[in-house]
Full PDB file with SEQRES, HELIX, SHEET, SSBOND, CRYST1, ORIGX, SCALE, CONECT and MASTER records, all heavy atoms in Angstrom:
SEQRES   1 A   34  ASP LEU ALA THR LEU ALA THR THR ALA THR SER SER GLY          
SEQRES   2 A   34  GLU ASN VAL GLN MET LEU MET PHE GLY LEU VAL PHE LEU          
SEQRES   3 A   34  ILE VAL GLY LEU ALA PHE LYS PHE                              
HELIX    1 AA1 LEU A    2  THR A    8  1                                   7    
HELIX    2 AA2 VAL A   16  LYS A   33  1                                  18    
CRYST1    1.000    1.000    1.000  90.00  90.00  90.00 P 1           1          
ORIGX1      1.000000  0.000000  0.000000        0.00000                         
ORIGX2      0.000000  1.000000  0.000000        0.00000                         
ORIGX3      0.000000  0.000000  1.000000        0.00000                         
SCALE1      1.000000  0.000000  0.000000        0.00000                         
SCALE2      0.000000  1.000000  0.000000        0.00000                         
SCALE3      0.000000  0.000000  1.000000        0.00000                         
ATOM      1  N   ASP A   1     -56.551 -22.682  76.753  1.00  0.00           N  
ATOM      2  CA  ASP A   1     -56.964 -24.080  76.836  1.00  0.00           C  
ATOM      3  C   ASP A   1     -58.473 -24.179  76.988  1.00  0.00           C  
ATOM      4  O   ASP A   1     -59.077 -23.540  77.859  1.00  0.00           O  
ATOM      5  CB  ASP A   1     -56.260 -24.744  78.022  1.00  0.00           C  
ATOM      6  CG  ASP A   1     -56.610 -26.211  78.142  1.00  0.00           C  
ATOM      7  OD1 ASP A   1     -56.182 -26.995  77.279  1.00  0.00           O  
ATOM      8  OD2 ASP A   1     -57.337 -26.567  79.093  1.00  0.00           O  
ATOM      9  N   LEU A   2     -59.122 -24.993  76.156  1.00  0.00           N  
ATOM     10  CA  LEU A   2     -60.581 -25.081  76.171  1.00  0.00           C  
ATOM     11  C   LEU A   2     -61.106 -25.704  77.452  1.00  0.00           C  
ATOM     12  O   LEU A   2     -62.139 -25.287  77.973  1.00  0.00           O  
ATOM     13  CB  LEU A   2     -61.066 -25.886  74.960  1.00  0.00           C  
ATOM     14  CG  LEU A   2     -60.826 -25.253  73.584  1.00  0.00           C  
ATOM     15  CD1 LEU A   2     -61.358 -26.156  72.474  1.00  0.00           C  
ATOM     16  CD2 LEU A   2     -61.469 -23.877  73.490  1.00  0.00           C  
ATOM     17  N   ALA A   3     -60.407 -26.714  77.973  1.00  0.00           N  
ATOM     18  CA  ALA A   3     -60.855 -27.345  79.217  1.00  0.00           C  
ATOM     19  C   ALA A   3     -60.811 -26.360  80.378  1.00  0.00           C  
ATOM     20  O   ALA A   3     -61.709 -26.345  81.230  1.00  0.00           O  
ATOM     21  CB  ALA A   3     -59.992 -28.573  79.515  1.00  0.00           C  
ATOM     22  N   THR A   4     -59.783 -25.529  80.412  1.00  0.00           N  
ATOM     23  CA  THR A   4     -59.688 -24.512  81.466  1.00  0.00           C  
ATOM     24  C   THR A   4     -60.736 -23.424  81.261  1.00  0.00           C  
ATOM     25  O   THR A   4     -61.335 -22.928  82.227  1.00  0.00           O  
ATOM     26  CB  THR A   4     -58.284 -23.891  81.483  1.00  0.00           C  
ATOM     27  OG1 THR A   4     -57.304 -24.926  81.569  1.00  0.00           O  
ATOM     28  CG2 THR A   4     -58.120 -22.941  82.663  1.00  0.00           C  
ATOM     29  N   LEU A   5     -60.977 -23.059  79.988  1.00  0.00           N  
ATOM     30  CA  LEU A   5     -62.004 -22.063  79.703  1.00  0.00           C  
ATOM     31  C   LEU A   5     -63.372 -22.514  80.196  1.00  0.00           C  
ATOM     32  O   LEU A   5     -64.173 -21.706  80.676  1.00  0.00           O  
ATOM     33  CB  LEU A   5     -62.078 -21.803  78.195  1.00  0.00           C  
ATOM     34  CG  LEU A   5     -61.095 -20.798  77.595  1.00  0.00           C  
ATOM     35  CD1 LEU A   5     -61.272 -20.743  76.084  1.00  0.00           C  
ATOM     36  CD2 LEU A   5     -61.290 -19.421  78.204  1.00  0.00           C  
ATOM     37  N   ALA A   6     -63.639 -23.807  80.095  1.00  0.00           N  
ATOM     38  CA  ALA A   6     -64.942 -24.333  80.496  1.00  0.00           C  
ATOM     39  C   ALA A   6     -65.227 -24.090  81.969  1.00  0.00           C  
ATOM     40  O   ALA A   6     -66.389 -23.974  82.375  1.00  0.00           O  
ATOM     41  CB  ALA A   6     -65.020 -25.827  80.184  1.00  0.00           C  
ATOM     42  N   THR A   7     -64.184 -24.002  82.772  1.00  0.00           N  
ATOM     43  CA  THR A   7     -64.368 -23.794  84.213  1.00  0.00           C  
ATOM     44  C   THR A   7     -64.229 -22.330  84.621  1.00  0.00           C  
ATOM     45  O   THR A   7     -64.710 -21.938  85.673  1.00  0.00           O  
ATOM     46  CB  THR A   7     -63.344 -24.633  85.001  1.00  0.00           C  
ATOM     47  OG1 THR A   7     -62.019 -24.242  84.620  1.00  0.00           O  
ATOM     48  CG2 THR A   7     -63.530 -26.119  84.720  1.00  0.00           C  
ATOM     49  N   THR A   8     -63.578 -21.533  83.763  1.00  0.00           N  
ATOM     50  CA  THR A   8     -63.337 -20.132  84.147  1.00  0.00           C  
ATOM     51  C   THR A   8     -64.249 -19.145  83.429  1.00  0.00           C  
ATOM     52  O   THR A   8     -64.540 -18.079  83.951  1.00  0.00           O  
ATOM     53  CB  THR A   8     -61.869 -19.743  83.875  1.00  0.00           C  
ATOM     54  OG1 THR A   8     -61.574 -19.949  82.474  1.00  0.00           O  
ATOM     55  CG2 THR A   8     -60.922 -20.585  84.720  1.00  0.00           C  
ATOM     56  N   ALA A   9     -64.694 -19.492  82.203  1.00  0.00           N  
ATOM     57  CA  ALA A   9     -65.526 -18.570  81.428  1.00  0.00           C  
ATOM     58  C   ALA A   9     -66.994 -18.858  81.705  1.00  0.00           C  
ATOM     59  O   ALA A   9     -67.586 -19.771  81.146  1.00  0.00           O  
ATOM     60  CB  ALA A   9     -65.225 -18.717  79.937  1.00  0.00           C  
ATOM     61  N   THR A  10     -67.589 -18.079  82.565  1.00  0.00           N  
ATOM     62  CA  THR A  10     -69.010 -18.234  82.891  1.00  0.00           C  
ATOM     63  C   THR A  10     -69.704 -16.886  82.776  1.00  0.00           C  
ATOM     64  O   THR A  10     -69.081 -15.828  82.888  1.00  0.00           O  
ATOM     65  CB  THR A  10     -69.207 -18.780  84.316  1.00  0.00           C  
ATOM     66  OG1 THR A  10     -68.728 -17.817  85.258  1.00  0.00           O  
ATOM     67  CG2 THR A  10     -68.453 -20.089  84.502  1.00  0.00           C  
ATOM     68  N   SER A  11     -71.003 -16.928  82.590  1.00  0.00           N  
ATOM     69  CA  SER A  11     -71.775 -15.700  82.432  1.00  0.00           C  
ATOM     70  C   SER A  11     -72.052 -15.007  83.767  1.00  0.00           C  
ATOM     71  O   SER A  11     -72.717 -13.979  83.796  1.00  0.00           O  
ATOM     72  CB  SER A  11     -73.105 -16.021  81.738  1.00  0.00           C  
ATOM     73  OG  SER A  11     -73.809 -17.007  82.458  1.00  0.00           O  
ATOM     74  N   SER A  12     -71.550 -15.577  84.849  1.00  0.00           N  
ATOM     75  CA  SER A  12     -71.748 -14.945  86.152  1.00  0.00           C  
ATOM     76  C   SER A  12     -70.426 -14.521  86.774  1.00  0.00           C  
ATOM     77  O   SER A  12     -70.366 -14.201  87.939  1.00  0.00           O  
ATOM     78  CB  SER A  12     -72.478 -15.911  87.095  1.00  0.00           C  
ATOM     79  OG  SER A  12     -71.741 -17.117  87.233  1.00  0.00           O  
ATOM     80  N   GLY A  13     -69.343 -14.522  85.955  1.00  0.00           N  
ATOM     81  CA  GLY A  13     -68.032 -14.163  86.474  1.00  0.00           C  
ATOM     82  C   GLY A  13     -67.813 -12.660  86.497  1.00  0.00           C  
ATOM     83  O   GLY A  13     -68.673 -11.860  86.113  1.00  0.00           O  
ATOM     84  N   GLU A  14     -66.605 -12.277  86.916  1.00  0.00           N  
ATOM     85  CA  GLU A  14     -66.288 -10.859  87.051  1.00  0.00           C  
ATOM     86  C   GLU A  14     -66.142 -10.182  85.693  1.00  0.00           C  
ATOM     87  O   GLU A  14     -66.478  -9.016  85.526  1.00  0.00           O  
ATOM     88  CB  GLU A  14     -64.996 -10.690  87.857  1.00  0.00           C  
ATOM     89  CG  GLU A  14     -65.113 -11.177  89.299  1.00  0.00           C  
ATOM     90  CD  GLU A  14     -63.810 -10.994  90.050  1.00  0.00           C  
ATOM     91  OE1 GLU A  14     -62.829 -10.537  89.425  1.00  0.00           O  
ATOM     92  OE2 GLU A  14     -63.770 -11.298  91.256  1.00  0.00           O  
ATOM     93  N   ASN A  15     -65.608 -10.893  84.694  1.00  0.00           N  
ATOM     94  CA  ASN A  15     -65.340 -10.300  83.391  1.00  0.00           C  
ATOM     95  C   ASN A  15     -66.408 -10.672  82.372  1.00  0.00           C  
ATOM     96  O   ASN A  15     -66.114 -10.896  81.201  1.00  0.00           O  
ATOM     97  CB  ASN A  15     -63.965 -10.769  82.887  1.00  0.00           C  
ATOM     98  CG  ASN A  15     -62.839 -10.316  83.781  1.00  0.00           C  
ATOM     99  OD1 ASN A  15     -62.854  -9.194  84.272  1.00  0.00           O  
ATOM    100  ND2 ASN A  15     -61.864 -11.185  84.002  1.00  0.00           N  
ATOM    101  N   VAL A  16     -67.664 -10.740  82.807  1.00  0.00           N  
ATOM    102  CA  VAL A  16     -68.723 -11.231  81.935  1.00  0.00           C  
ATOM    103  C   VAL A  16     -68.890 -10.346  80.703  1.00  0.00           C  
ATOM    104  O   VAL A  16     -69.113 -10.853  79.593  1.00  0.00           O  
ATOM    105  CB  VAL A  16     -70.049 -11.347  82.719  1.00  0.00           C  
ATOM    106  CG1 VAL A  16     -70.472 -10.016  83.301  1.00  0.00           C  
ATOM    107  CG2 VAL A  16     -71.127 -11.929  81.833  1.00  0.00           C  
ATOM    108  N   GLN A  17     -68.770  -9.035  80.848  1.00  0.00           N  
ATOM    109  CA  GLN A  17     -68.953  -8.151  79.701  1.00  0.00           C  
ATOM    110  C   GLN A  17     -67.861  -8.356  78.665  1.00  0.00           C  
ATOM    111  O   GLN A  17     -68.129  -8.394  77.461  1.00  0.00           O  
ATOM    112  CB  GLN A  17     -68.997  -6.695  80.163  1.00  0.00           C  
ATOM    113  CG  GLN A  17     -70.236  -6.338  80.979  1.00  0.00           C  
ATOM    114  CD  GLN A  17     -70.289  -4.876  81.356  1.00  0.00           C  
ATOM    115  OE1 GLN A  17     -69.260  -4.197  81.366  1.00  0.00           O  
ATOM    116  NE2 GLN A  17     -71.476  -4.382  81.685  1.00  0.00           N  
ATOM    117  N   MET A  18     -66.627  -8.519  79.138  1.00  0.00           N  
ATOM    118  CA  MET A  18     -65.526  -8.751  78.212  1.00  0.00           C  
ATOM    119  C   MET A  18     -65.673 -10.110  77.520  1.00  0.00           C  
ATOM    120  O   MET A  18     -65.425 -10.247  76.316  1.00  0.00           O  
ATOM    121  CB  MET A  18     -64.182  -8.679  78.956  1.00  0.00           C  
ATOM    122  CG  MET A  18     -62.957  -8.809  78.045  1.00  0.00           C  
ATOM    123  SD  MET A  18     -61.392  -8.704  78.936  1.00  0.00           S  
ATOM    124  CE  MET A  18     -61.463  -7.003  79.477  1.00  0.00           C  
ATOM    125  N   LEU A  19     -66.108 -11.111  78.278  1.00  0.00           N  
ATOM    126  CA  LEU A  19     -66.305 -12.436  77.697  1.00  0.00           C  
ATOM    127  C   LEU A  19     -67.396 -12.417  76.631  1.00  0.00           C  
ATOM    128  O   LEU A  19     -67.246 -13.015  75.560  1.00  0.00           O  
ATOM    129  CB  LEU A  19     -66.663 -13.439  78.796  1.00  0.00           C  
ATOM    130  CG  LEU A  19     -65.531 -13.873  79.725  1.00  0.00           C  
ATOM    131  CD1 LEU A  19     -66.087 -14.682  80.895  1.00  0.00           C  
ATOM    132  CD2 LEU A  19     -64.507 -14.704  78.963  1.00  0.00           C  
ATOM    133  N   MET A  20     -68.495 -11.750  76.915  1.00  0.00           N  
ATOM    134  CA  MET A  20     -69.576 -11.656  75.945  1.00  0.00           C  
ATOM    135  C   MET A  20     -69.147 -10.889  74.703  1.00  0.00           C  
ATOM    136  O   MET A  20     -69.537 -11.220  73.572  1.00  0.00           O  
ATOM    137  CB  MET A  20     -70.802 -10.986  76.576  1.00  0.00           C  
ATOM    138  CG  MET A  20     -71.532 -11.866  77.574  1.00  0.00           C  
ATOM    139  SD  MET A  20     -72.164 -13.379  76.798  1.00  0.00           S  
ATOM    140  CE  MET A  20     -72.957 -14.174  78.193  1.00  0.00           C  
ATOM    141  N   PHE A  21     -68.324  -9.862  74.889  1.00  0.00           N  
ATOM    142  CA  PHE A  21     -67.805  -9.089  73.762  1.00  0.00           C  
ATOM    143  C   PHE A  21     -66.942  -9.981  72.870  1.00  0.00           C  
ATOM    144  O   PHE A  21     -67.069  -9.969  71.639  1.00  0.00           O  
ATOM    145  CB  PHE A  21     -67.000  -7.899  74.281  1.00  0.00           C  
ATOM    146  CG  PHE A  21     -66.597  -6.925  73.215  1.00  0.00           C  
ATOM    147  CD1 PHE A  21     -67.544  -6.196  72.516  1.00  0.00           C  
ATOM    148  CD2 PHE A  21     -65.254  -6.743  72.913  1.00  0.00           C  
ATOM    149  CE1 PHE A  21     -67.163  -5.297  71.530  1.00  0.00           C  
ATOM    150  CE2 PHE A  21     -64.866  -5.844  71.928  1.00  0.00           C  
ATOM    151  CZ  PHE A  21     -65.822  -5.108  71.233  1.00  0.00           C  
ATOM    152  N   GLY A  22     -66.074 -10.767  73.500  1.00  0.00           N  
ATOM    153  CA  GLY A  22     -65.247 -11.702  72.735  1.00  0.00           C  
ATOM    154  C   GLY A  22     -66.079 -12.780  72.069  1.00  0.00           C  
ATOM    155  O   GLY A  22     -65.791 -13.208  70.942  1.00  0.00           O  
ATOM    156  N   LEU A  23     -67.133 -13.235  72.761  1.00  0.00           N  
ATOM    157  CA  LEU A  23     -67.998 -14.273  72.217  1.00  0.00           C  
ATOM    158  C   LEU A  23     -68.667 -13.816  70.924  1.00  0.00           C  
ATOM    159  O   LEU A  23     -68.808 -14.597  69.971  1.00  0.00           O  
ATOM    160  CB  LEU A  23     -69.065 -14.656  73.246  1.00  0.00           C  
ATOM    161  CG  LEU A  23     -70.101 -15.696  72.806  1.00  0.00           C  
ATOM    162  CD1 LEU A  23     -69.437 -17.029  72.520  1.00  0.00           C  
ATOM    163  CD2 LEU A  23     -71.184 -15.856  73.873  1.00  0.00           C  
ATOM    164  N   VAL A  24     -69.058 -12.553  70.864  1.00  0.00           N  
ATOM    165  CA  VAL A  24     -69.697 -12.035  69.647  1.00  0.00           C  
ATOM    166  C   VAL A  24     -68.763 -12.177  68.451  1.00  0.00           C  
ATOM    167  O   VAL A  24     -69.179 -12.598  67.361  1.00  0.00           O  
ATOM    168  CB  VAL A  24     -70.104 -10.562  69.853  1.00  0.00           C  
ATOM    169  CG1 VAL A  24     -70.540  -9.938  68.527  1.00  0.00           C  
ATOM    170  CG2 VAL A  24     -71.222 -10.460  70.873  1.00  0.00           C  
ATOM    171  N   PHE A  25     -67.501 -11.849  68.641  1.00  0.00           N  
ATOM    172  CA  PHE A  25     -66.543 -11.959  67.538  1.00  0.00           C  
ATOM    173  C   PHE A  25     -66.305 -13.419  67.155  1.00  0.00           C  
ATOM    174  O   PHE A  25     -66.123 -13.736  65.974  1.00  0.00           O  
ATOM    175  CB  PHE A  25     -65.226 -11.274  67.910  1.00  0.00           C  
ATOM    176  CG  PHE A  25     -65.288  -9.778  67.833  1.00  0.00           C  
ATOM    177  CD1 PHE A  25     -65.571  -9.026  68.955  1.00  0.00           C  
ATOM    178  CD2 PHE A  25     -65.078  -9.124  66.628  1.00  0.00           C  
ATOM    179  CE1 PHE A  25     -65.639  -7.645  68.883  1.00  0.00           C  
ATOM    180  CE2 PHE A  25     -65.138  -7.744  66.542  1.00  0.00           C  
ATOM    181  CZ  PHE A  25     -65.430  -6.996  67.675  1.00  0.00           C  
ATOM    182  N   LEU A  26     -66.290 -14.311  68.131  1.00  0.00           N  
ATOM    183  CA  LEU A  26     -66.167 -15.735  67.821  1.00  0.00           C  
ATOM    184  C   LEU A  26     -67.339 -16.214  66.976  1.00  0.00           C  
ATOM    185  O   LEU A  26     -67.164 -16.960  66.001  1.00  0.00           O  
ATOM    186  CB  LEU A  26     -66.097 -16.559  69.111  1.00  0.00           C  
ATOM    187  CG  LEU A  26     -64.799 -16.565  69.910  1.00  0.00           C  
ATOM    188  CD1 LEU A  26     -64.926 -17.540  71.068  1.00  0.00           C  
ATOM    189  CD2 LEU A  26     -63.621 -16.954  69.044  1.00  0.00           C  
ATOM    190  N   ILE A  27     -68.550 -15.808  67.353  1.00  0.00           N  
ATOM    191  CA  ILE A  27     -69.739 -16.223  66.622  1.00  0.00           C  
ATOM    192  C   ILE A  27     -69.715 -15.677  65.198  1.00  0.00           C  
ATOM    193  O   ILE A  27     -70.117 -16.361  64.245  1.00  0.00           O  
ATOM    194  CB  ILE A  27     -71.017 -15.759  67.351  1.00  0.00           C  
ATOM    195  CG1 ILE A  27     -71.143 -16.444  68.721  1.00  0.00           C  
ATOM    196  CG2 ILE A  27     -72.243 -16.039  66.500  1.00  0.00           C  
ATOM    197  CD1 ILE A  27     -71.365 -17.937  68.646  1.00  0.00           C  
ATOM    198  N   VAL A  28     -69.225 -14.445  65.031  1.00  0.00           N  
ATOM    199  CA  VAL A  28     -69.117 -13.872  63.680  1.00  0.00           C  
ATOM    200  C   VAL A  28     -68.184 -14.716  62.811  1.00  0.00           C  
ATOM    201  O   VAL A  28     -68.493 -15.028  61.656  1.00  0.00           O  
ATOM    202  CB  VAL A  28     -68.631 -12.411  63.749  1.00  0.00           C  
ATOM    203  CG1 VAL A  28     -68.256 -11.900  62.355  1.00  0.00           C  
ATOM    204  CG2 VAL A  28     -69.700 -11.519  64.367  1.00  0.00           C  
ATOM    205  N   GLY A  29     -67.027 -15.085  63.369  1.00  0.00           N  
ATOM    206  CA  GLY A  29     -66.095 -15.926  62.624  1.00  0.00           C  
ATOM    207  C   GLY A  29     -66.690 -17.272  62.279  1.00  0.00           C  
ATOM    208  O   GLY A  29     -66.548 -17.773  61.157  1.00  0.00           O  
ATOM    209  N   LEU A  30     -67.371 -17.885  63.238  1.00  0.00           N  
ATOM    210  CA  LEU A  30     -68.026 -19.168  62.997  1.00  0.00           C  
ATOM    211  C   LEU A  30     -69.108 -19.043  61.919  1.00  0.00           C  
ATOM    212  O   LEU A  30     -69.209 -19.895  61.022  1.00  0.00           O  
ATOM    213  CB  LEU A  30     -68.661 -19.688  64.291  1.00  0.00           C  
ATOM    214  CG  LEU A  30     -67.749 -20.383  65.300  1.00  0.00           C  
ATOM    215  CD1 LEU A  30     -68.495 -20.602  66.605  1.00  0.00           C  
ATOM    216  CD2 LEU A  30     -67.262 -21.718  64.751  1.00  0.00           C  
ATOM    217  N   ALA A  31     -69.913 -17.995  62.023  1.00  0.00           N  
ATOM    218  CA  ALA A  31     -71.013 -17.815  61.074  1.00  0.00           C  
ATOM    219  C   ALA A  31     -70.491 -17.653  59.655  1.00  0.00           C  
ATOM    220  O   ALA A  31     -71.097 -18.157  58.698  1.00  0.00           O  
ATOM    221  CB  ALA A  31     -71.855 -16.600  61.474  1.00  0.00           C  
ATOM    222  N   PHE A  32     -69.375 -16.953  59.499  1.00  0.00           N  
ATOM    223  CA  PHE A  32     -68.811 -16.803  58.158  1.00  0.00           C  
ATOM    224  C   PHE A  32     -68.353 -18.148  57.608  1.00  0.00           C  
ATOM    225  O   PHE A  32     -68.614 -18.468  56.446  1.00  0.00           O  
ATOM    226  CB  PHE A  32     -67.625 -15.829  58.181  1.00  0.00           C  
ATOM    227  CG  PHE A  32     -66.957 -15.704  56.831  1.00  0.00           C  
ATOM    228  CD1 PHE A  32     -67.413 -14.785  55.904  1.00  0.00           C  
ATOM    229  CD2 PHE A  32     -65.883 -16.513  56.487  1.00  0.00           C  
ATOM    230  CE1 PHE A  32     -66.810 -14.678  54.656  1.00  0.00           C  
ATOM    231  CE2 PHE A  32     -65.277 -16.418  55.250  1.00  0.00           C  
ATOM    232  CZ  PHE A  32     -65.746 -15.490  54.329  1.00  0.00           C  
ATOM    233  N   LYS A  33     -67.673 -18.927  58.406  1.00  0.00           N  
ATOM    234  CA  LYS A  33     -67.171 -20.212  57.928  1.00  0.00           C  
ATOM    235  C   LYS A  33     -68.316 -21.153  57.557  1.00  0.00           C  
ATOM    236  O   LYS A  33     -68.176 -21.958  56.642  1.00  0.00           O  
ATOM    237  CB  LYS A  33     -66.264 -20.853  58.978  1.00  0.00           C  
ATOM    238  CG  LYS A  33     -65.016 -20.044  59.309  1.00  0.00           C  
ATOM    239  CD  LYS A  33     -64.217 -19.714  58.052  1.00  0.00           C  
ATOM    240  CE  LYS A  33     -63.024 -18.827  58.367  1.00  0.00           C  
ATOM    241  NZ  LYS A  33     -62.296 -18.426  57.132  1.00  0.00           N  
ATOM    242  N   PHE A  34     -69.425 -21.040  58.254  1.00  0.00           N  
ATOM    243  CA  PHE A  34     -70.601 -21.838  57.909  1.00  0.00           C  
ATOM    244  C   PHE A  34     -71.358 -21.248  56.728  1.00  0.00           C  
ATOM    245  O   PHE A  34     -72.058 -21.972  56.008  1.00  0.00           O  
ATOM    246  CB  PHE A  34     -71.555 -21.924  59.105  1.00  0.00           C  
ATOM    247  CG  PHE A  34     -71.258 -23.037  60.058  1.00  0.00           C  
ATOM    248  CD1 PHE A  34     -70.620 -22.789  61.263  1.00  0.00           C  
ATOM    249  CD2 PHE A  34     -71.618 -24.336  59.758  1.00  0.00           C  
ATOM    250  CE1 PHE A  34     -70.347 -23.815  62.152  1.00  0.00           C  
ATOM    251  CE2 PHE A  34     -71.359 -25.377  60.642  1.00  0.00           C  
ATOM    252  CZ  PHE A  34     -70.727 -25.115  61.841  1.00  0.00           C  
TER     253      PHE A  34                                                      
MASTER        0    0    0    2    0    0    0    6  252    1    0    3          
END                                                                             
């Protein structure tokens, strides 16, 4: 859920490295579609 992600996915959380790793793949997908 995006609303829940907004409160749980932060760059200062415990899983920041995993989140950033996932974010890179999201950006790649977005960049291709654009």
